[in-house]
Protein backbone atom coordinates (compact mmCIF):
# COMPACT_ATOMS: atom_id res chain seq x y z
CA MET A 1 -11.00 215.31 -90.34
CA ARG A 2 -11.64 211.76 -91.27
CA LEU A 3 -13.78 210.15 -88.96
CA VAL A 4 -14.97 206.75 -88.34
CA PHE A 5 -17.67 206.41 -85.96
CA ALA A 6 -17.99 203.90 -83.40
CA GLY A 7 -21.73 203.64 -82.09
CA THR A 8 -24.82 201.13 -81.55
CA PRO A 9 -27.92 201.79 -80.02
CA GLU A 10 -30.22 205.04 -80.57
CA VAL A 11 -28.82 207.06 -78.77
CA ALA A 12 -26.15 207.76 -80.92
CA LEU A 13 -27.96 208.81 -83.80
CA PRO A 14 -27.93 212.61 -83.24
CA SER A 15 -24.29 212.62 -82.46
CA LEU A 16 -23.94 210.48 -86.04
CA ARG A 17 -26.15 212.38 -87.88
CA ALA A 18 -24.54 215.86 -86.44
CA LEU A 19 -20.78 215.03 -88.06
CA ILE A 20 -22.20 213.78 -90.89
CA ASP A 21 -23.68 216.80 -91.56
CA SER A 22 -20.42 219.10 -90.27
CA PRO A 23 -19.00 220.78 -93.47
CA ARG A 24 -15.71 219.92 -91.65
CA HIS A 25 -15.20 215.94 -91.51
CA GLU A 26 -16.23 213.90 -93.44
CA VAL A 27 -17.22 210.30 -91.77
CA VAL A 28 -15.85 207.41 -93.89
CA ALA A 29 -17.30 204.40 -91.88
CA VAL A 30 -18.77 203.17 -88.75
CA VAL A 31 -18.43 200.48 -86.16
CA THR A 32 -21.10 199.15 -84.85
CA ARG A 33 -21.83 195.32 -83.15
CA PRO A 34 -23.15 192.62 -85.05
CA ASP A 35 -26.64 192.22 -86.65
CA ALA A 36 -28.66 190.67 -83.69
CA PRO A 37 -32.14 188.49 -83.74
CA ALA A 38 -35.03 190.95 -82.43
CA GLY A 39 -38.56 190.57 -83.10
CA ARG A 40 -40.94 187.34 -82.92
CA GLY A 41 -39.12 185.65 -86.05
CA ARG A 42 -35.88 186.27 -84.06
CA THR A 43 -34.45 187.69 -87.60
CA LEU A 44 -31.12 189.41 -87.90
CA HIS A 45 -31.37 193.29 -88.20
CA ARG A 46 -28.90 196.06 -88.23
CA SER A 47 -28.33 198.26 -85.51
CA PRO A 48 -29.99 201.67 -85.28
CA VAL A 49 -26.03 203.35 -85.83
CA GLY A 50 -25.49 200.77 -88.45
CA ALA A 51 -29.14 201.41 -90.50
CA LEU A 52 -28.01 205.16 -90.29
CA ALA A 53 -25.09 204.51 -92.20
CA ASP A 54 -26.62 202.29 -94.87
CA GLU A 55 -28.97 205.22 -95.62
CA HIS A 56 -26.18 207.48 -96.06
CA GLY A 57 -24.00 204.92 -98.17
CA ILE A 58 -21.08 205.03 -95.52
CA GLU A 59 -19.05 201.67 -95.08
CA VAL A 60 -20.53 199.72 -91.80
CA LEU A 61 -18.02 197.46 -89.89
CA THR A 62 -19.37 194.60 -87.47
CA PRO A 63 -16.40 193.39 -85.83
CA GLU A 64 -17.07 190.21 -83.30
CA LYS A 65 -14.26 191.94 -81.05
CA ALA A 66 -12.76 195.61 -81.79
CA GLY A 67 -9.36 193.80 -81.81
CA ASP A 68 -10.15 191.28 -84.27
CA GLU A 69 -7.24 191.71 -87.05
CA GLN A 70 -9.33 191.79 -90.14
CA PHE A 71 -11.19 194.87 -88.45
CA LEU A 72 -7.68 196.46 -87.38
CA ALA A 73 -6.26 196.10 -91.05
CA ARG A 74 -9.66 197.92 -92.53
CA LEU A 75 -9.08 200.54 -90.18
CA ARG A 76 -5.56 200.95 -90.94
CA GLU A 77 -6.72 201.32 -94.92
CA LEU A 78 -9.22 204.04 -93.79
CA ASP A 79 -6.65 206.39 -91.89
CA PRO A 80 -9.03 207.66 -89.49
CA ASP A 81 -7.66 211.42 -88.11
CA CYS A 82 -10.25 210.42 -85.00
CA CYS A 83 -12.75 208.08 -83.98
CA PRO A 84 -15.56 209.57 -81.83
CA VAL A 85 -17.56 207.07 -80.15
CA VAL A 86 -21.25 206.73 -78.29
CA ALA A 87 -22.22 204.09 -76.78
CA TYR A 88 -20.65 201.32 -78.74
CA GLY A 89 -20.95 198.47 -76.07
CA ALA A 90 -17.41 196.77 -76.69
CA LEU A 91 -13.97 197.08 -75.25
CA LEU A 92 -11.42 198.45 -77.13
CA PRO A 93 -8.21 197.20 -76.63
CA GLN A 94 -4.78 199.15 -76.86
CA ARG A 95 -4.05 198.48 -80.27
CA THR A 96 -7.17 199.34 -81.41
CA LEU A 97 -6.64 202.81 -79.58
CA ASP A 98 -2.99 203.49 -81.37
CA ILE A 99 -4.78 203.61 -85.14
CA PRO A 100 -6.55 206.97 -85.08
CA ARG A 101 -3.65 209.70 -84.89
CA HIS A 102 -6.23 211.68 -82.33
CA GLY A 103 -7.38 208.44 -80.71
CA TRP A 104 -10.92 207.88 -79.91
CA VAL A 105 -12.94 210.14 -78.29
CA ASN A 106 -16.27 209.36 -76.31
CA LEU A 107 -19.25 211.00 -75.46
CA HIS A 108 -20.33 209.66 -72.08
CA PHE A 109 -23.63 211.06 -70.14
CA SER A 110 -21.99 212.14 -67.14
CA LEU A 111 -20.25 214.92 -65.61
CA LEU A 112 -16.60 212.93 -65.25
CA PRO A 113 -15.55 211.44 -62.85
CA ALA A 114 -19.17 211.12 -61.08
CA TRP A 115 -20.74 207.59 -62.77
CA ARG A 116 -18.25 206.26 -64.66
CA GLY A 117 -19.48 202.82 -66.06
CA ALA A 118 -22.55 201.44 -67.95
CA ALA A 119 -25.66 203.36 -66.71
CA PRO A 120 -24.54 206.83 -65.66
CA VAL A 121 -28.26 208.41 -66.13
CA GLN A 122 -30.04 205.53 -64.79
CA ALA A 123 -27.71 206.38 -61.61
CA ALA A 124 -27.80 210.10 -61.42
CA ILE A 125 -31.79 209.37 -61.47
CA LYS A 126 -31.30 206.97 -58.77
CA ALA A 127 -29.45 208.66 -56.50
CA GLY A 128 -31.47 212.29 -56.29
CA ASP A 129 -28.72 214.00 -58.79
CA GLU A 130 -30.08 217.15 -59.14
CA VAL A 131 -27.89 218.19 -62.31
CA THR A 132 -25.89 216.07 -64.44
CA GLY A 133 -24.40 216.14 -67.96
CA ALA A 134 -22.30 214.82 -70.63
CA SER A 135 -18.31 214.63 -70.83
CA ALA A 136 -16.53 214.56 -74.04
CA PHE A 137 -12.57 212.58 -73.41
CA ARG A 138 -10.19 210.55 -74.74
CA ILE A 139 -10.76 206.87 -74.10
CA VAL A 140 -7.76 204.87 -72.31
CA LYS A 141 -7.54 201.55 -70.96
CA PRO A 142 -9.19 202.33 -67.83
CA LEU A 143 -12.68 202.54 -67.80
CA ASP A 144 -14.14 206.06 -68.45
CA ALA A 145 -10.75 207.43 -66.77
CA GLY A 146 -9.83 209.63 -69.98
CA PRO A 147 -8.67 213.31 -70.05
CA VAL A 148 -11.95 215.43 -70.72
CA PHE A 149 -12.03 218.35 -73.74
CA GLY A 150 -15.48 219.09 -72.87
CA VAL A 151 -18.86 218.71 -70.41
CA VAL A 152 -22.42 220.11 -71.44
CA THR A 153 -24.76 220.40 -67.94
CA GLU A 154 -28.33 219.24 -67.89
CA THR A 155 -30.57 219.75 -64.93
CA VAL A 156 -32.43 216.51 -63.68
CA GLN A 157 -36.33 217.33 -63.86
CA ASP A 158 -38.39 216.42 -60.98
CA ARG A 159 -40.33 213.68 -62.86
CA ASP A 160 -37.41 212.99 -65.71
CA THR A 161 -37.48 208.86 -66.68
CA ALA A 162 -33.87 207.58 -67.58
CA GLY A 163 -35.26 207.68 -71.20
CA GLU A 164 -36.07 211.44 -71.09
CA LEU A 165 -33.25 212.46 -69.83
CA LEU A 166 -30.97 210.49 -72.06
CA ASP A 167 -32.81 211.55 -74.96
CA ARG A 168 -32.21 215.43 -73.69
CA LEU A 169 -28.57 214.42 -73.15
CA SER A 170 -28.50 212.66 -76.62
CA ILE A 171 -29.10 216.28 -78.32
CA SER A 172 -26.77 217.89 -76.22
CA GLY A 173 -24.10 215.65 -76.27
CA ALA A 174 -24.11 215.40 -79.96
CA ARG A 175 -23.42 219.39 -80.39
CA LEU A 176 -20.65 218.83 -77.49
CA LEU A 177 -19.48 215.90 -79.95
CA VAL A 178 -18.85 217.73 -82.49
CA ALA A 179 -17.31 221.12 -81.35
CA THR A 180 -14.85 218.39 -79.61
CA MET A 181 -14.07 217.43 -83.11
CA ASP A 182 -13.24 221.31 -84.07
CA GLY A 183 -11.41 221.95 -82.09
CA ILE A 184 -9.31 218.94 -81.92
CA GLU A 185 -8.71 220.01 -85.80
CA ASP A 186 -8.03 223.71 -84.93
CA GLY A 187 -5.77 222.49 -81.98
CA THR A 188 -7.75 224.79 -79.78
CA LEU A 189 -8.84 221.96 -77.53
CA GLU A 190 -6.35 220.57 -74.61
CA ALA A 191 -7.82 217.39 -72.74
CA ARG A 192 -7.60 218.40 -69.34
CA PRO A 193 -7.17 215.22 -66.55
CA GLN A 194 -9.87 214.33 -64.54
CA PRO A 195 -10.11 214.86 -60.69
CA ALA A 196 -8.97 212.39 -58.27
CA GLU A 197 -11.93 212.68 -56.29
CA GLY A 198 -15.48 212.47 -56.87
CA VAL A 199 -15.01 209.27 -58.65
CA THR A 200 -18.31 207.32 -58.99
CA TYR A 201 -19.44 204.23 -60.72
CA ALA A 202 -22.75 203.05 -62.19
CA GLY A 203 -22.68 199.11 -63.59
CA LYS A 204 -25.16 197.68 -65.52
CA VAL A 205 -28.68 197.61 -64.43
CA THR A 206 -30.49 194.34 -64.15
CA VAL A 207 -33.89 193.24 -64.34
CA GLU A 208 -33.11 192.05 -60.53
CA ASP A 209 -31.79 195.62 -59.65
CA ALA A 210 -35.20 196.99 -61.52
CA LYS A 211 -37.32 195.44 -58.97
CA ALA A 212 -39.27 198.07 -56.67
CA ASP A 213 -38.97 197.70 -52.71
CA PHE A 214 -41.85 199.89 -51.11
CA THR A 215 -40.01 199.09 -47.80
CA GLN A 216 -38.37 202.04 -49.01
CA PRO A 217 -38.88 205.92 -48.51
CA ALA A 218 -41.41 207.11 -51.25
CA ALA A 219 -38.62 209.34 -52.82
CA ALA A 220 -36.44 206.40 -53.19
CA VAL A 221 -38.68 204.14 -54.93
CA ASP A 222 -40.03 206.86 -56.43
CA ARG A 223 -36.62 207.65 -58.09
CA LEU A 224 -35.82 204.01 -58.90
CA VAL A 225 -39.09 203.31 -60.91
CA ARG A 226 -38.10 206.45 -63.09
CA SER A 227 -34.70 205.48 -63.55
CA VAL A 228 -35.15 201.88 -64.98
CA THR A 229 -37.59 203.63 -67.46
CA PRO A 230 -38.11 202.47 -70.28
CA GLU A 231 -35.03 199.63 -69.96
CA PRO A 232 -34.84 197.56 -68.04
CA GLY A 233 -38.35 198.27 -66.29
CA ALA A 234 -39.52 198.19 -62.97
CA TRP A 235 -41.65 195.71 -61.57
CA ALA A 236 -43.05 194.34 -58.49
CA GLU A 237 -44.91 190.91 -57.43
CA PHE A 238 -48.42 190.40 -57.45
CA ARG A 239 -50.11 187.59 -56.71
CA GLY A 240 -46.96 185.44 -57.43
CA GLU A 241 -46.29 187.24 -60.85
CA ARG A 242 -44.50 190.23 -62.04
CA LEU A 243 -46.39 193.20 -62.32
CA LYS A 244 -44.50 196.24 -64.61
CA LEU A 245 -44.90 199.58 -63.34
CA GLY A 246 -44.63 202.42 -65.20
CA PRO A 247 -43.55 205.82 -63.14
CA LEU A 248 -45.70 206.41 -60.17
CA THR A 249 -46.96 209.64 -58.73
CA PRO A 250 -46.14 210.90 -55.09
CA VAL A 251 -49.29 212.10 -53.40
CA GLU A 252 -51.12 213.57 -50.24
CA ALA A 253 -53.01 210.88 -48.72
CA GLU A 254 -52.93 208.39 -45.47
CA ALA A 255 -50.35 206.53 -44.79
CA LEU A 256 -50.35 202.63 -45.82
CA PRO A 257 -48.09 200.31 -45.01
CA PRO A 258 -44.98 199.15 -47.06
CA GLY A 259 -46.90 197.50 -50.24
CA GLU A 260 -50.22 197.40 -49.44
CA LEU A 261 -52.54 198.48 -52.28
CA ARG A 262 -55.62 200.73 -51.94
CA VAL A 263 -58.11 201.25 -54.70
CA GLU A 264 -59.71 204.52 -55.28
CA LYS A 265 -62.09 205.69 -57.83
CA ARG A 266 -59.43 207.42 -59.92
CA ARG A 267 -56.57 206.37 -58.00
CA VAL A 268 -54.70 203.14 -56.94
CA LEU A 269 -52.02 203.77 -54.38
CA VAL A 270 -49.12 201.47 -52.73
CA GLY A 271 -47.52 202.06 -49.34
CA THR A 272 -44.09 202.40 -48.87
CA ALA A 273 -41.91 203.18 -45.66
CA THR A 274 -42.96 207.27 -45.93
CA GLY A 275 -46.51 208.27 -47.87
CA PRO A 276 -47.85 206.15 -50.30
CA LEU A 277 -47.72 206.60 -54.18
CA ALA A 278 -49.70 206.30 -57.16
CA LEU A 279 -49.66 203.69 -59.51
CA GLY A 280 -49.44 204.99 -63.54
CA GLU A 281 -49.27 202.47 -65.93
CA VAL A 282 -49.13 198.49 -65.31
CA GLN A 283 -48.32 195.39 -67.11
CA ALA A 284 -49.47 192.28 -66.08
CA GLN A 285 -47.85 189.09 -67.68
CA GLY A 286 -49.42 188.31 -70.92
CA LYS A 287 -51.39 191.29 -71.08
CA LYS A 288 -51.26 194.84 -72.40
CA ARG A 289 -49.87 198.18 -70.67
CA MET A 290 -52.58 199.94 -68.95
CA ALA A 291 -53.94 202.33 -66.16
CA ALA A 292 -53.64 201.20 -62.82
CA THR A 293 -57.25 201.87 -62.79
CA ASP A 294 -58.37 199.53 -65.30
CA TRP A 295 -55.85 196.93 -64.12
CA ALA A 296 -57.45 196.89 -60.59
CA ARG A 297 -61.27 196.44 -61.67
CA GLY A 298 -60.14 193.70 -63.23
CA VAL A 299 -58.00 191.59 -60.68
CA ARG A 300 -60.30 193.47 -57.68
CA PRO A 301 -57.18 193.87 -54.95
CA GLU A 302 -58.87 192.49 -51.61
CA GLN A 303 -58.12 194.87 -48.26
CA GLY A 304 -54.53 194.59 -47.23
CA GLU A 305 -52.97 192.90 -50.28
CA ARG A 306 -49.83 193.99 -51.36
CA LEU A 307 -46.69 194.56 -53.54
CA GLY A 308 -44.14 192.74 -52.73
């Protein structure tokens, strides 16, 4: 099939590579978000998807909005059979959805109808889900509500961060997306409506959402921190400034009041509503990321000082 691929961040690259390598399909163009400023110089940079397309000599479309008339005219000229989508990052109006013969097929990193929305992997870890996955579905106007072609499942490991889990899902999901394109071309796949029960939503995670609350049980704090690693990154306040937190480690130790620090020879503990957790890497404002023990040697927390 003739494909126009839509995606923006690195998590979309395994799918784009797999479709480029597929002998059955031709990626005639990609759609990605416009070049954005990055780095200290704030110079414009191509998105990861756009950069990979450039490497392969594939046309790159960067509309400000997916309903722009100039973009729609070019999409009609390209005459795609289907438009696979992975983390494109913009809404697709109905007039855009109507152009390809087989519609737009999204790879979403959850087992729909669970965790519709912007941050399904983060939500699954924060909620303590034991199993998650990826779903390939036809895009319709309501958010992530279209009929599903197929799914893959993935076990959530005890120490998974959102980044680690998403990396695995991006690879297994790429295989699912290629198989979905094959099945659509063959006419052997039929999209089935999502169940009406079990719908949950995973909104975009903000920096404020990533603040650790040590009045919660240790398991909840641990899941929250892992769910926002690496982005947007967990944090707490120490002496009036933000301290970024890497993943924590549950430990067997004497209880501490919520947020209270205890510095030991080889670890730094913080109290929660239940048992303490050991800090991993931390990063103070204006400093490099470092082991919590090294940070503690520098700041010398006083007895009873807390993260808040």
